[in-house]
């Protein structure tokens, strides 16, 4: 393989690997930012007849 082929391959593999490990880091290490979906209300405490 030529030098250009090696450079493109190393750059591609490095980029994908970095993105993969960055995503794993974001999921496992960083604290919650409040972007999670809202909790569904419990059936026992919501609906008609249950005033807040």
Protein backbone atom coordinates (compact mmCIF):
# COMPACT_ATOMS: atom_id res chain seq x y z
CA UNK A 1 0.00 0.00 0.00
CA UNK A 2 1.26 3.50 -0.75
CA UNK A 3 2.09 6.14 1.82
CA UNK A 4 -1.09 8.03 0.93
CA UNK A 5 -3.17 4.90 1.55
CA UNK A 6 -1.58 4.40 4.95
CA UNK A 7 -2.19 8.02 5.91
CA UNK A 8 -5.86 7.87 4.91
CA UNK A 9 -6.34 4.56 6.74
CA UNK A 10 -4.63 5.74 9.93
CA UNK A 11 -6.59 9.00 9.89
CA UNK A 12 -9.89 7.19 9.34
CA UNK A 13 -9.33 4.52 11.98
CA UNK A 14 -8.04 7.11 14.45
CA UNK A 15 -11.03 9.38 13.93
CA UNK A 16 -13.61 6.60 14.34
CA UNK A 17 -11.81 5.16 17.37
CA UNK A 18 -11.57 8.59 19.02
CA UNK A 19 -15.26 9.27 18.43
CA UNK A 20 -16.20 5.85 19.83
CA UNK A 21 -14.17 6.28 23.02
CA UNK A 22 -15.40 9.88 23.45
CA UNK A 23 -19.01 8.65 23.28
CA UNK A 24 -18.30 5.88 25.80
CA UNK A 25 -16.71 8.47 28.08
CA UNK A 26 -19.69 10.81 27.77
CA UNK A 27 -22.13 8.03 28.60
CA UNK A 28 -20.24 6.50 31.52
CA UNK A 29 -18.32 9.27 33.28
CA UNK A 30 -19.89 12.69 32.95
CA UNK A 31 -22.67 13.76 35.28
CA UNK A 32 -26.24 14.14 34.18
CA UNK A 33 -27.05 17.44 32.44
CA UNK A 34 -30.82 17.22 32.78
CA UNK A 35 -31.42 16.24 29.16
CA UNK A 36 -33.10 12.98 30.06
CA UNK A 37 -36.73 12.48 29.09
CA UNK A 38 -39.28 13.40 31.74
CA UNK A 39 -40.54 10.65 34.02
CA UNK A 40 -43.97 9.33 33.23
CA UNK A 41 -46.37 10.16 36.07
CA UNK A 42 -47.51 7.26 38.19
CA UNK A 43 -51.04 6.06 37.45
CA UNK A 44 -51.93 6.24 41.14
CA UNK A 45 -51.07 9.92 41.54
CA UNK A 46 -52.23 11.43 38.27
CA UNK A 47 -55.41 11.71 36.31
CA UNK A 48 -58.95 12.79 37.12
CA UNK A 49 -59.77 13.05 40.79
CA UNK A 50 -56.17 13.48 41.99
CA UNK A 51 -55.52 17.11 42.79
CA UNK A 52 -51.95 18.26 43.27
